Amino acid sequence: MRAFVLASIVVFSVNTVFALENQLDPSKVAPQYRDLAEKRQAELIRQKACQARAEKEKIVRRDLPAYVLQCMDAAEKAEQAVKAKK
């Protein structure tokens, strides 16, 4: 179980690096996939912001994945709360 968690964290970290380098513009995606592309772009923006926040707060590298996941969850809940008020 522990090995699975560690492997998941490594895969998440590697995917994060590649995803941030290869951001797509949702307007250049086929119309039927535009919603998904916009959601993915929003997720990548949250992820990048959380990583910048972790760097600013000098989070230790071993704690980075957990911190970023927690930060992304909090950011997503905050966005949903703002949308709910509208």
Protein backbone atom coordinates (compact mmCIF):
# COMPACT_ATOMS: atom_id res chain seq x y z
CA MET A 1 0.00 0.00 0.00
CA ARG A 2 2.77 2.40 0.93
CA ALA A 3 4.64 1.66 -2.31
CA PHE A 4 1.46 2.42 -4.26
CA VAL A 5 1.08 5.79 -2.54
CA LEU A 6 4.70 6.69 -3.20
CA ALA A 7 4.43 5.62 -6.85
CA SER A 8 1.25 7.71 -7.21
CA ILE A 9 3.00 10.76 -5.80
CA VAL A 10 5.91 10.34 -8.22
CA VAL A 11 3.57 9.90 -11.19
CA PHE A 12 1.54 12.94 -10.09
CA SER A 13 4.70 15.05 -9.83
CA VAL A 14 6.00 13.99 -13.25
CA ASN A 15 2.60 14.51 -14.90
CA THR A 16 2.38 17.95 -13.33
CA VAL A 17 5.67 19.03 -14.89
CA PHE A 18 4.70 17.82 -18.35
CA ALA A 19 1.17 19.20 -18.11
CA LEU A 20 2.32 22.67 -17.19
CA GLU A 21 4.73 22.75 -20.11
CA ASN A 22 2.10 21.65 -22.64
CA GLN A 23 -0.90 23.84 -21.92
CA LEU A 24 -3.49 23.97 -24.68
CA ASP A 25 -5.56 26.95 -25.62
CA PRO A 26 -9.23 25.86 -25.26
CA SER A 27 -10.20 28.04 -28.22
CA LYS A 28 -8.03 25.85 -30.48
CA VAL A 29 -9.79 22.63 -29.44
CA ALA A 30 -12.73 21.10 -31.29
CA PRO A 31 -16.05 22.51 -30.01
CA GLN A 32 -17.23 19.20 -28.53
CA TYR A 33 -14.10 19.06 -26.32
CA ARG A 34 -13.92 22.73 -25.40
CA ASP A 35 -15.58 22.32 -21.98
CA LEU A 36 -13.12 19.60 -21.02
CA ALA A 37 -10.19 21.70 -22.23
CA GLU A 38 -11.39 24.68 -20.19
CA LYS A 39 -11.74 22.52 -17.08
CA ARG A 40 -8.26 21.08 -17.59
CA GLN A 41 -6.80 24.54 -18.12
CA ALA A 42 -8.44 25.76 -14.89
CA GLU A 43 -7.01 22.76 -13.06
CA LEU A 44 -3.53 23.46 -14.43
CA ILE A 45 -3.77 27.11 -13.40
CA ARG A 46 -4.77 26.08 -9.85
CA GLN A 47 -1.92 23.58 -9.80
CA LYS A 48 0.62 26.15 -10.94
CA ALA A 49 -0.62 28.66 -8.37
CA CYS A 50 -0.39 26.08 -5.60
CA GLN A 51 3.13 25.14 -6.63
CA ALA A 52 4.14 28.79 -6.61
CA ARG A 53 2.57 29.19 -3.18
CA ALA A 54 4.47 26.11 -1.93
CA GLU A 55 7.71 27.53 -3.27
CA LYS A 56 7.02 30.85 -1.59
CA GLU A 57 6.29 29.11 1.72
CA LYS A 58 9.40 26.91 1.24
CA ILE A 59 7.58 23.59 1.54
CA VAL A 60 9.97 20.64 1.76
CA ARG A 61 10.10 18.61 -1.46
CA ARG A 62 8.86 15.42 0.21
CA ASP A 63 5.76 17.27 1.45
CA LEU A 64 5.11 19.08 -1.83
CA PRO A 65 2.60 16.64 -3.44
CA ALA A 66 0.43 16.50 -0.33
CA TYR A 67 0.56 20.28 0.03
CA VAL A 68 -0.34 20.87 -3.62
CA LEU A 69 -3.25 18.42 -3.50
CA GLN A 70 -4.62 20.03 -0.35
CA CYS A 71 -4.19 23.50 -1.84
CA MET A 72 -5.92 22.48 -5.08
CA ASP A 73 -8.88 21.03 -3.16
CA ALA A 74 -9.20 24.24 -1.16
CA ALA A 75 -8.97 26.37 -4.32
CA GLU A 76 -11.60 24.26 -6.09
CA LYS A 77 -13.99 24.53 -3.13
CA ALA A 78 -13.45 28.29 -3.05
CA GLU A 79 -14.21 28.56 -6.79
CA GLN A 80 -17.37 26.49 -6.36
CA ALA A 81 -18.48 28.71 -3.47
CA VAL A 82 -18.01 31.81 -5.63
CA LYS A 83 -19.98 30.21 -8.48
CA ALA A 84 -22.75 29.22 -6.07
CA LYS A 85 -23.15 32.83 -4.91
CA LYS A 86 -23.69 34.06 -8.47
